[in-house]
Amino acid sequence: MSEDIDKPTSSQIDRLNEKNYRSWSTQVSAVLRHQRVLDVVDGTTPKPILTPAVVQQPTKDETEAHKKLIFGKQRLREHVRLCCPLFRGD
């Protein structure tokens, strides 16, 4: 329980203004360090290069499962439309 009290949180940090940069910076750095992201924020760790994912064609089983799912949704939608006056516009 006492460990939770010792953890710095962003809600404990005063809003930055023209008079408190030094204390604000120290507090923000402590929170970022605790969350293990300070190196990303300060640029020590470079931004990862995102590459487009390789798109694989669905297998025959996946395609059939998708068709069944779409057909099932269409049947359910038709059932609701026929059975529920609110959806028929009556």
PDB file of N, CA and C in Angstrom:
ATOM      1  N   MET A   1       0.818  -1.181   0.000  1.00  0.00           N
ATOM      2  CA  MET A   1       0.000   0.000   0.000  1.00  0.00           C
ATOM      3  C   MET A   1       0.866   1.251   0.000  1.00  0.00           C
ATOM      4  N   SER A   2       1.943   1.274   0.791  1.00  0.00           N
ATOM      5  CA  SER A   2       2.803   2.444   0.842  1.00  0.00           C
ATOM      6  C   SER A   2       3.519   2.668  -0.481  1.00  0.00           C
ATOM      7  N   GLU A   3       3.701   1.595  -1.269  1.00  0.00           N
ATOM      8  CA  GLU A   3       4.342   1.757  -2.575  1.00  0.00           C
ATOM      9  C   GLU A   3       3.491   2.625  -3.484  1.00  0.00           C
ATOM     10  N   ASP A   4       2.164   2.509  -3.401  1.00  0.00           N
ATOM     11  CA  ASP A   4       1.282   3.314  -4.230  1.00  0.00           C
ATOM     12  C   ASP A   4       1.409   4.793  -3.893  1.00  0.00           C
ATOM     13  N   ILE A   5       1.625   5.114  -2.619  1.00  0.00           N
ATOM     14  CA  ILE A   5       1.767   6.503  -2.195  1.00  0.00           C
ATOM     15  C   ILE A   5       3.048   7.102  -2.757  1.00  0.00           C
ATOM     16  N   ASP A   6       4.103   6.292  -2.856  1.00  0.00           N
ATOM     17  CA  ASP A   6       5.402   6.775  -3.315  1.00  0.00           C
ATOM     18  C   ASP A   6       5.475   6.960  -4.835  1.00  0.00           C
ATOM     19  N   LYS A   7       4.537   6.378  -5.573  1.00  0.00           N
ATOM     20  CA  LYS A   7       4.576   6.475  -7.024  1.00  0.00           C
ATOM     21  C   LYS A   7       4.161   7.877  -7.464  1.00  0.00           C
ATOM     22  N   PRO A   8       4.972   8.501  -8.308  1.00  0.00           N
ATOM     23  CA  PRO A   8       4.574   9.816  -8.820  1.00  0.00           C
ATOM     24  C   PRO A   8       3.449   9.653  -9.833  1.00  0.00           C
ATOM     25  N   THR A   9       2.488  10.555  -9.789  1.00  0.00           N
ATOM     26  CA  THR A   9       1.402  10.532 -10.768  1.00  0.00           C
ATOM     27  C   THR A   9       1.244  11.910 -11.365  1.00  0.00           C
ATOM     28  N   SER A  10       0.707  11.951 -12.561  1.00  0.00           N
ATOM     29  CA  SER A  10       0.542  13.236 -13.241  1.00  0.00           C
ATOM     30  C   SER A  10      -0.470  14.121 -12.533  1.00  0.00           C
ATOM     31  N   SER A  11      -1.392  13.538 -11.758  1.00  0.00           N
ATOM     32  CA  SER A  11      -2.380  14.362 -11.061  1.00  0.00           C
ATOM     33  C   SER A  11      -1.758  15.148  -9.903  1.00  0.00           C
ATOM     34  N   GLN A  12      -0.547  14.783  -9.489  1.00  0.00           N
ATOM     35  CA  GLN A  12       0.129  15.484  -8.404  1.00  0.00           C
ATOM     36  C   GLN A  12       0.978  16.646  -8.915  1.00  0.00           C
ATOM     37  N   ILE A  13       1.058  16.840 -10.195  1.00  0.00           N
ATOM     38  CA  ILE A  13       1.933  17.851 -10.781  1.00  0.00           C
ATOM     39  C   ILE A  13       1.151  19.148 -10.998  1.00  0.00           C
ATOM     40  N   ASP A  14       1.743  20.247 -10.522  1.00  0.00           N
ATOM     41  CA  ASP A  14       1.130  21.560 -10.754  1.00  0.00           C
ATOM     42  C   ASP A  14       1.216  21.910 -12.227  1.00  0.00           C
ATOM     43  N   ARG A  15       0.241  22.647 -12.706  1.00  0.00           N
ATOM     44  CA  ARG A  15       0.234  23.084 -14.095  1.00  0.00           C
ATOM     45  C   ARG A  15       1.438  24.003 -14.350  1.00  0.00           C
ATOM     46  N   LEU A  16       2.068  23.802 -15.481  1.00  0.00           N
ATOM     47  CA  LEU A  16       3.233  24.607 -15.845  1.00  0.00           C
ATOM     48  C   LEU A  16       2.833  26.069 -16.017  1.00  0.00           C
ATOM     49  N   ASN A  17       3.643  26.948 -15.436  1.00  0.00           N
ATOM     50  CA  ASN A  17       3.456  28.383 -15.644  1.00  0.00           C
ATOM     51  C   ASN A  17       4.825  29.036 -15.737  1.00  0.00           C
ATOM     52  N   GLU A  18       4.855  30.353 -15.837  1.00  0.00           N
ATOM     53  CA  GLU A  18       6.134  31.051 -16.045  1.00  0.00           C
ATOM     54  C   GLU A  18       7.057  31.027 -14.837  1.00  0.00           C
ATOM     55  N   LYS A  19       6.572  30.568 -13.676  1.00  0.00           N
ATOM     56  CA  LYS A  19       7.388  30.600 -12.460  1.00  0.00           C
ATOM     57  C   LYS A  19       7.834  29.229 -11.954  1.00  0.00           C
ATOM     58  N   ASN A  20       7.284  28.151 -12.475  1.00  0.00           N
ATOM     59  CA  ASN A  20       7.553  26.845 -11.859  1.00  0.00           C
ATOM     60  C   ASN A  20       8.205  25.830 -12.793  1.00  0.00           C
ATOM     61  N   TYR A  21       8.888  26.266 -13.830  1.00  0.00           N
ATOM     62  CA  TYR A  21       9.442  25.312 -14.796  1.00  0.00           C
ATOM     63  C   TYR A  21      10.340  24.269 -14.152  1.00  0.00           C
ATOM     64  N   ARG A  22      11.251  24.685 -13.271  1.00  0.00           N
ATOM     65  CA  ARG A  22      12.225  23.758 -12.699  1.00  0.00           C
ATOM     66  C   ARG A  22      11.518  22.641 -11.907  1.00  0.00           C
ATOM     67  N   SER A  23      10.581  22.979 -11.032  1.00  0.00           N
ATOM     68  CA  SER A  23       9.894  21.939 -10.250  1.00  0.00           C
ATOM     69  C   SER A  23       8.972  21.116 -11.145  1.00  0.00           C
ATOM     70  N   TRP A  24       8.324  21.786 -12.109  1.00  0.00           N
ATOM     71  CA  TRP A  24       7.450  21.067 -13.036  1.00  0.00           C
ATOM     72  C   TRP A  24       8.252  20.048 -13.844  1.00  0.00           C
ATOM     73  N   SER A  25       9.388  20.461 -14.360  1.00  0.00           N
ATOM     74  CA  SER A  25      10.238  19.589 -15.163  1.00  0.00           C
ATOM     75  C   SER A  25      10.720  18.383 -14.350  1.00  0.00           C
ATOM     76  N   THR A  26      11.109  18.619 -13.113  1.00  0.00           N
ATOM     77  CA  THR A  26      11.559  17.533 -12.242  1.00  0.00           C
ATOM     78  C   THR A  26      10.431  16.536 -12.000  1.00  0.00           C
ATOM     79  N   GLN A  27       9.246  17.057 -11.733  1.00  0.00           N
ATOM     80  CA  GLN A  27       8.100  16.182 -11.465  1.00  0.00           C
ATOM     81  C   GLN A  27       7.686  15.385 -12.699  1.00  0.00           C
ATOM     82  N   VAL A  28       7.628  16.051 -13.833  1.00  0.00           N
ATOM     83  CA  VAL A  28       7.252  15.365 -15.077  1.00  0.00           C
ATOM     84  C   VAL A  28       8.283  14.297 -15.419  1.00  0.00           C
ATOM     85  N   SER A  29       9.546  14.612 -15.263  1.00  0.00           N
ATOM     86  CA  SER A  29      10.603  13.632 -15.539  1.00  0.00           C
ATOM     87  C   SER A  29      10.464  12.422 -14.631  1.00  0.00           C
ATOM     88  N   ALA A  30      10.123  12.649 -13.359  1.00  0.00           N
ATOM     89  CA  ALA A  30       9.952  11.534 -12.424  1.00  0.00           C
ATOM     90  C   ALA A  30       8.805  10.630 -12.852  1.00  0.00           C
ATOM     91  N   VAL A  31       7.694  11.230 -13.273  1.00  0.00           N
ATOM     92  CA  VAL A  31       6.546  10.430 -13.720  1.00  0.00           C
ATOM     93  C   VAL A  31       6.911   9.640 -14.971  1.00  0.00           C
ATOM     94  N   LEU A  32       7.544  10.287 -15.935  1.00  0.00           N
ATOM     95  CA  LEU A  32       7.920   9.603 -17.175  1.00  0.00           C
ATOM     96  C   LEU A  32       8.948   8.510 -16.918  1.00  0.00           C
ATOM     97  N   ARG A  33       9.883   8.771 -16.015  1.00  0.00           N
ATOM     98  CA  ARG A  33      10.885   7.757 -15.657  1.00  0.00           C
ATOM     99  C   ARG A  33      10.194   6.567 -15.002  1.00  0.00           C
ATOM    100  N   HIS A  34       9.262   6.844 -14.081  1.00  0.00           N
ATOM    101  CA  HIS A  34       8.538   5.766 -13.396  1.00  0.00           C
ATOM    102  C   HIS A  34       7.743   4.923 -14.397  1.00  0.00           C
ATOM    103  N   GLN A  35       7.174   5.568 -15.411  1.00  0.00           N
ATOM    104  CA  GLN A  35       6.399   4.853 -16.426  1.00  0.00           C
ATOM    105  C   GLN A  35       7.281   4.247 -17.512  1.00  0.00           C
ATOM    106  N   ARG A  36       8.586   4.432 -17.356  1.00  0.00           N
ATOM    107  CA  ARG A  36       9.588   3.885 -18.275  1.00  0.00           C
ATOM    108  C   ARG A  36       9.416   4.350 -19.708  1.00  0.00           C
ATOM    109  N   VAL A  37       9.081   5.646 -19.852  1.00  0.00           N
ATOM    110  CA  VAL A  37       8.951   6.218 -21.189  1.00  0.00           C
ATOM    111  C   VAL A  37       9.789   7.474 -21.379  1.00  0.00           C
ATOM    112  N   LEU A  38      10.568   7.852 -20.370  1.00  0.00           N
ATOM    113  CA  LEU A  38      11.363   9.074 -20.461  1.00  0.00           C
ATOM    114  C   LEU A  38      12.317   9.026 -21.650  1.00  0.00           C
ATOM    115  N   ASP A  39      12.927   7.875 -21.900  1.00  0.00           N
ATOM    116  CA  ASP A  39      13.877   7.765 -23.006  1.00  0.00           C
ATOM    117  C   ASP A  39      13.208   7.976 -24.360  1.00  0.00           C
ATOM    118  N   VAL A  40      11.948   7.622 -24.471  1.00  0.00           N
ATOM    119  CA  VAL A  40      11.221   7.843 -25.722  1.00  0.00           C
ATOM    120  C   VAL A  40      10.883   9.323 -25.860  1.00  0.00           C
ATOM    121  N   VAL A  41      10.442   9.935 -24.754  1.00  0.00           N
ATOM    122  CA  VAL A  41      10.047  11.342 -24.782  1.00  0.00           C
ATOM    123  C   VAL A  41      11.247  12.256 -25.024  1.00  0.00           C
ATOM    124  N   ASP A  42      12.381  11.959 -24.378  1.00  0.00           N
ATOM    125  CA  ASP A  42      13.537  12.858 -24.532  1.00  0.00           C
ATOM    126  C   ASP A  42      14.367  12.559 -25.784  1.00  0.00           C
ATOM    127  N   GLY A  43      13.983  11.540 -26.550  1.00  0.00           N
ATOM    128  CA  GLY A  43      14.648  11.247 -27.809  1.00  0.00           C
ATOM    129  C   GLY A  43      15.828  10.306 -27.703  1.00  0.00           C
ATOM    130  N   THR A  44      16.152   9.815 -26.493  1.00  0.00           N
ATOM    131  CA  THR A  44      17.254   8.874 -26.335  1.00  0.00           C
ATOM    132  C   THR A  44      16.990   7.605 -27.150  1.00  0.00           C
ATOM    133  N   THR A  45      15.757   7.115 -27.077  1.00  0.00           N
ATOM    134  CA  THR A  45      15.340   5.974 -27.883  1.00  0.00           C
ATOM    135  C   THR A  45      14.623   6.527 -29.106  1.00  0.00           C
ATOM    136  N   PRO A  46      15.107   6.216 -30.309  1.00  0.00           N
ATOM    137  CA  PRO A  46      14.479   6.778 -31.501  1.00  0.00           C
ATOM    138  C   PRO A  46      13.078   6.222 -31.727  1.00  0.00           C
ATOM    139  N   LYS A  47      12.299   7.014 -32.392  1.00  0.00           N
ATOM    140  CA  LYS A  47      10.944   6.604 -32.761  1.00  0.00           C
ATOM    141  C   LYS A  47      11.036   5.367 -33.652  1.00  0.00           C
ATOM    142  N   PRO A  48      10.223   4.345 -33.371  1.00  0.00           N
ATOM    143  CA  PRO A  48      10.282   3.152 -34.221  1.00  0.00           C
ATOM    144  C   PRO A  48       9.781   3.459 -35.633  1.00  0.00           C
ATOM    145  N   ILE A  49      10.371   2.792 -36.589  1.00  0.00           N
ATOM    146  CA  ILE A  49       9.948   2.945 -37.977  1.00  0.00           C
ATOM    147  C   ILE A  49       8.859   1.918 -38.239  1.00  0.00           C
ATOM    148  N   LEU A  50       7.706   2.414 -38.580  1.00  0.00           N
ATOM    149  CA  LEU A  50       6.587   1.521 -38.833  1.00  0.00           C
ATOM    150  C   LEU A  50       6.586   1.118 -40.300  1.00  0.00           C
ATOM    151  N   THR A  51       6.520  -0.157 -40.531  1.00  0.00           N
ATOM    152  CA  THR A  51       6.456  -0.663 -41.896  1.00  0.00           C
ATOM    153  C   THR A  51       5.069  -1.249 -42.113  1.00  0.00           C
ATOM    154  N   PRO A  52       4.569  -1.157 -43.310  1.00  0.00           N
ATOM    155  CA  PRO A  52       3.245  -1.721 -43.564  1.00  0.00           C
ATOM    156  C   PRO A  52       3.259  -3.230 -43.335  1.00  0.00           C
ATOM    157  N   ALA A  53       2.200  -3.701 -42.732  1.00  0.00           N
ATOM    158  CA  ALA A  53       2.089  -5.139 -42.470  1.00  0.00           C
ATOM    159  C   ALA A  53       1.874  -5.875 -43.785  1.00  0.00           C
ATOM    160  N   VAL A  54       2.369  -7.071 -43.834  1.00  0.00           N
ATOM    161  CA  VAL A  54       2.159  -7.908 -45.001  1.00  0.00           C
ATOM    162  C   VAL A  54       0.724  -8.426 -44.941  1.00  0.00           C
ATOM    163  N   VAL A  55      -0.029  -8.155 -45.983  1.00  0.00           N
ATOM    164  CA  VAL A  55      -1.424  -8.587 -46.027  1.00  0.00           C
ATOM    165  C   VAL A  55      -1.475  -9.977 -46.634  1.00  0.00           C
ATOM    166  N   GLN A  56      -2.046 -10.883 -45.874  1.00  0.00           N
ATOM    167  CA  GLN A  56      -2.168 -12.246 -46.365  1.00  0.00           C
ATOM    168  C   GLN A  56      -3.591 -12.467 -46.855  1.00  0.00           C
ATOM    169  N   GLN A  57      -3.698 -13.223 -47.890  1.00  0.00           N
ATOM    170  CA  GLN A  57      -5.013 -13.587 -48.394  1.00  0.00           C
ATOM    171  C   GLN A  57      -5.674 -14.545 -47.407  1.00  0.00           C
ATOM    172  N   PRO A  58      -6.977 -14.368 -47.163  1.00  0.00           N
ATOM    173  CA  PRO A  58      -7.644 -15.281 -46.234  1.00  0.00           C
ATOM    174  C   PRO A  58      -7.683 -16.696 -46.802  1.00  0.00           C
ATOM    175  N   THR A  59      -7.671 -17.657 -45.900  1.00  0.00           N
ATOM    176  CA  THR A  59      -7.770 -19.050 -46.331  1.00  0.00           C
ATOM    177  C   THR A  59      -9.200 -19.320 -46.779  1.00  0.00           C
ATOM    178  N   LYS A  60      -9.398 -20.452 -47.414  1.00  0.00           N
ATOM    179  CA  LYS A  60     -10.738 -20.826 -47.869  1.00  0.00           C
ATOM    180  C   LYS A  60     -11.684 -20.940 -46.674  1.00  0.00           C
ATOM    181  N   ASP A  61     -11.204 -21.532 -45.566  1.00  0.00           N
ATOM    182  CA  ASP A  61     -12.036 -21.663 -44.371  1.00  0.00           C
ATOM    183  C   ASP A  61     -12.416 -20.301 -43.801  1.00  0.00           C
ATOM    184  N   GLU A  62     -11.458 -19.370 -43.780  1.00  0.00           N
ATOM    185  CA  GLU A  62     -11.744 -18.023 -43.278  1.00  0.00           C
ATOM    186  C   GLU A  62     -12.765 -17.317 -44.167  1.00  0.00           C
ATOM    187  N   THR A  63     -12.636 -17.493 -45.472  1.00  0.00           N
ATOM    188  CA  THR A  63     -13.573 -16.880 -46.408  1.00  0.00           C
ATOM    189  C   THR A  63     -14.977 -17.434 -46.206  1.00  0.00           C
ATOM    190  N   GLU A  64     -15.076 -18.739 -46.050  1.00  0.00           N
ATOM    191  CA  GLU A  64     -16.388 -19.371 -45.821  1.00  0.00           C
ATOM    192  C   GLU A  64     -16.987 -18.922 -44.493  1.00  0.00           C
ATOM    193  N   ALA A  65     -16.171 -18.837 -43.456  1.00  0.00           N
ATOM    194  CA  ALA A  65     -16.661 -18.394 -42.149  1.00  0.00           C
ATOM    195  C   ALA A  65     -17.158 -16.953 -42.241  1.00  0.00           C
ATOM    196  N   HIS A  66     -16.450 -16.123 -42.986  1.00  0.00           N
ATOM    197  CA  HIS A  66     -16.858 -14.732 -43.156  1.00  0.00           C
ATOM    198  C   HIS A  66     -18.198 -14.652 -43.893  1.00  0.00           C
ATOM    199  N   LYS A  67     -18.355 -15.444 -44.935  1.00  0.00           N
ATOM    200  CA  LYS A  67     -19.614 -15.461 -45.678  1.00  0.00           C
ATOM    201  C   LYS A  67     -20.777 -15.888 -44.782  1.00  0.00           C
ATOM    202  N   LYS A  68     -20.548 -16.910 -43.941  1.00  0.00           N
ATOM    203  CA  LYS A  68     -21.596 -17.362 -43.023  1.00  0.00           C
ATOM    204  C   LYS A  68     -21.948 -16.277 -42.018  1.00  0.00           C
ATOM    205  N   LEU A  69     -20.950 -15.571 -41.539  1.00  0.00           N
ATOM    206  CA  LEU A  69     -21.187 -14.497 -40.581  1.00  0.00           C
ATOM    207  C   LEU A  69     -22.016 -13.387 -41.218  1.00  0.00           C
ATOM    208  N   ILE A  70     -21.667 -12.983 -42.417  1.00  0.00           N
ATOM    209  CA  ILE A  70     -22.404 -11.931 -43.121  1.00  0.00           C
ATOM    210  C   ILE A  70     -23.835 -12.395 -43.391  1.00  0.00           C
ATOM    211  N   PHE A  71     -24.000 -13.629 -43.843  1.00  0.00           N
ATOM    212  CA  PHE A  71     -25.335 -14.157 -44.123  1.00  0.00           C
ATOM    213  C   PHE A  71     -26.163 -14.199 -42.841  1.00  0.00           C
ATOM    214  N   GLY A  72     -25.547 -14.616 -41.735  1.00  0.00           N
ATOM    215  CA  GLY A  72     -26.244 -14.664 -40.451  1.00  0.00           C
ATOM    216  C   GLY A  72     -26.679 -13.276 -40.001  1.00  0.00           C
ATOM    217  N   LYS A  73     -25.821 -12.282 -40.183  1.00  0.00           N
ATOM    218  CA  LYS A  73     -26.182 -10.911 -39.821  1.00  0.00           C
ATOM    219  C   LYS A  73     -27.342 -10.420 -40.678  1.00  0.00           C
ATOM    220  N   GLN A  74     -27.319 -10.751 -41.963  1.00  0.00           N
ATOM    221  CA  GLN A  74     -28.405 -10.333 -42.847  1.00  0.00           C
ATOM    222  C   GLN A  74     -29.722 -10.981 -42.437  1.00  0.00           C
ATOM    223  N   ARG A  75     -29.674 -12.262 -42.092  1.00  0.00           N
ATOM    224  CA  ARG A  75     -30.895 -12.961 -41.665  1.00  0.00           C
ATOM    225  C   ARG A  75     -31.431 -12.370 -40.371  1.00  0.00           C
ATOM    226  N   LEU A  76     -30.525 -12.065 -39.428  1.00  0.00           N
ATOM    227  CA  LEU A  76     -30.940 -11.473 -38.165  1.00  0.00           C
ATOM    228  C   LEU A  76     -31.564 -10.096 -38.394  1.00  0.00           C
ATOM    229  N   ARG A  77     -30.947  -9.299 -39.238  1.00  0.00           N
ATOM    230  CA  ARG A  77     -31.469  -7.972 -39.547  1.00  0.00           C
ATOM    231  C   ARG A  77     -32.862  -8.070 -40.167  1.00  0.00           C
ATOM    232  N   GLU A  78     -33.063  -9.019 -41.091  1.00  0.00           N
ATOM    233  CA  GLU A  78     -34.362  -9.220 -41.735  1.00  0.00           C
ATOM    234  C   GLU A  78     -35.401  -9.681 -40.711  1.00  0.00           C
ATOM    235  N   HIS A  79     -34.996 -10.570 -39.810  1.00  0.00           N
ATOM    236  CA  HIS A  79     -35.897 -11.055 -38.765  1.00  0.00           C
ATOM    237  C   HIS A  79     -36.347  -9.893 -37.870  1.00  0.00           C
ATOM    238  N   VAL A  80     -35.421  -9.067 -37.459  1.00  0.00           N
ATOM    239  CA  VAL A  80     -35.759  -7.920 -36.607  1.00  0.00           C
ATOM    240  C   VAL A  80     -36.672  -6.963 -37.362  1.00  0.00           C
ATOM    241  N   ARG A  81     -36.372  -6.727 -38.625  1.00  0.00           N
ATOM    242  CA  ARG A  81     -37.193  -5.814 -39.421  1.00  0.00           C
ATOM    243  C   ARG A  81     -38.626  -6.321 -39.541  1.00  0.00           C
ATOM    244  N   LEU A  82     -38.791  -7.637 -39.734  1.00  0.00           N
ATOM    245  CA  LEU A  82     -40.128  -8.205 -39.903  1.00  0.00           C
ATOM    246  C   LEU A  82     -40.897  -8.315 -38.587  1.00  0.00           C
ATOM    247  N   CYS A  83     -40.211  -8.536 -37.493  1.00  0.00           N
ATOM    248  CA  CYS A  83     -40.875  -8.808 -36.223  1.00  0.00           C
ATOM    249  C   CYS A  83     -41.084  -7.574 -35.350  1.00  0.00           C
ATOM    250  N   CYS A  84     -40.353  -6.549 -35.583  1.00  0.00           N
ATOM    251  CA  CYS A  84     -40.399  -5.381 -34.689  1.00  0.00           C
ATOM    252  C   CYS A  84     -40.999  -4.193 -35.431  1.00  0.00           C
ATOM    253  N   PRO A  85     -42.174  -3.717 -35.010  1.00  0.00           N
ATOM    254  CA  PRO A  85     -42.818  -2.602 -35.693  1.00  0.00           C
ATOM    255  C   PRO A  85     -41.954  -1.343 -35.749  1.00  0.00           C
ATOM    256  N   LEU A  86     -41.118  -1.136 -34.742  1.00  0.00           N
ATOM    257  CA  LEU A  86     -40.278   0.076 -34.750  1.00  0.00           C
ATOM    258  C   LEU A  86     -39.320   0.083 -35.931  1.00  0.00           C
ATOM    259  N   PHE A  87     -38.877  -1.085 -36.350  1.00  0.00           N
ATOM    260  CA  PHE A  87     -37.914  -1.178 -37.451  1.00  0.00           C
ATOM    261  C   PHE A  87     -38.604  -1.243 -38.809  1.00  0.00           C
ATOM    262  N   ARG A  88     -39.888  -1.516 -38.836  1.00  0.00           N
ATOM    263  CA  ARG A  88     -40.638  -1.576 -40.098  1.00  0.00           C
ATOM    264  C   ARG A  88     -41.103  -0.204 -40.527  1.00  0.00           C
ATOM    265  N   GLY A  89     -41.166   0.710 -39.562  1.00  0.00           N
ATOM    266  CA  GLY A  89     -41.687   2.046 -39.883  1.00  0.00           C
ATOM    267  C   GLY A  89     -43.199   2.105 -39.774  1.00  0.00           C
ATOM    268  N   ASP A  90     -43.834   1.089 -39.137  1.00  0.00           N
ATOM    269  CA  ASP A  90     -45.296   1.089 -38.969  1.00  0.00           C
ATOM    270  C   ASP A  90     -45.748   2.134 -37.970  1.00  0.00           C
TER     271      ASP A  90
END
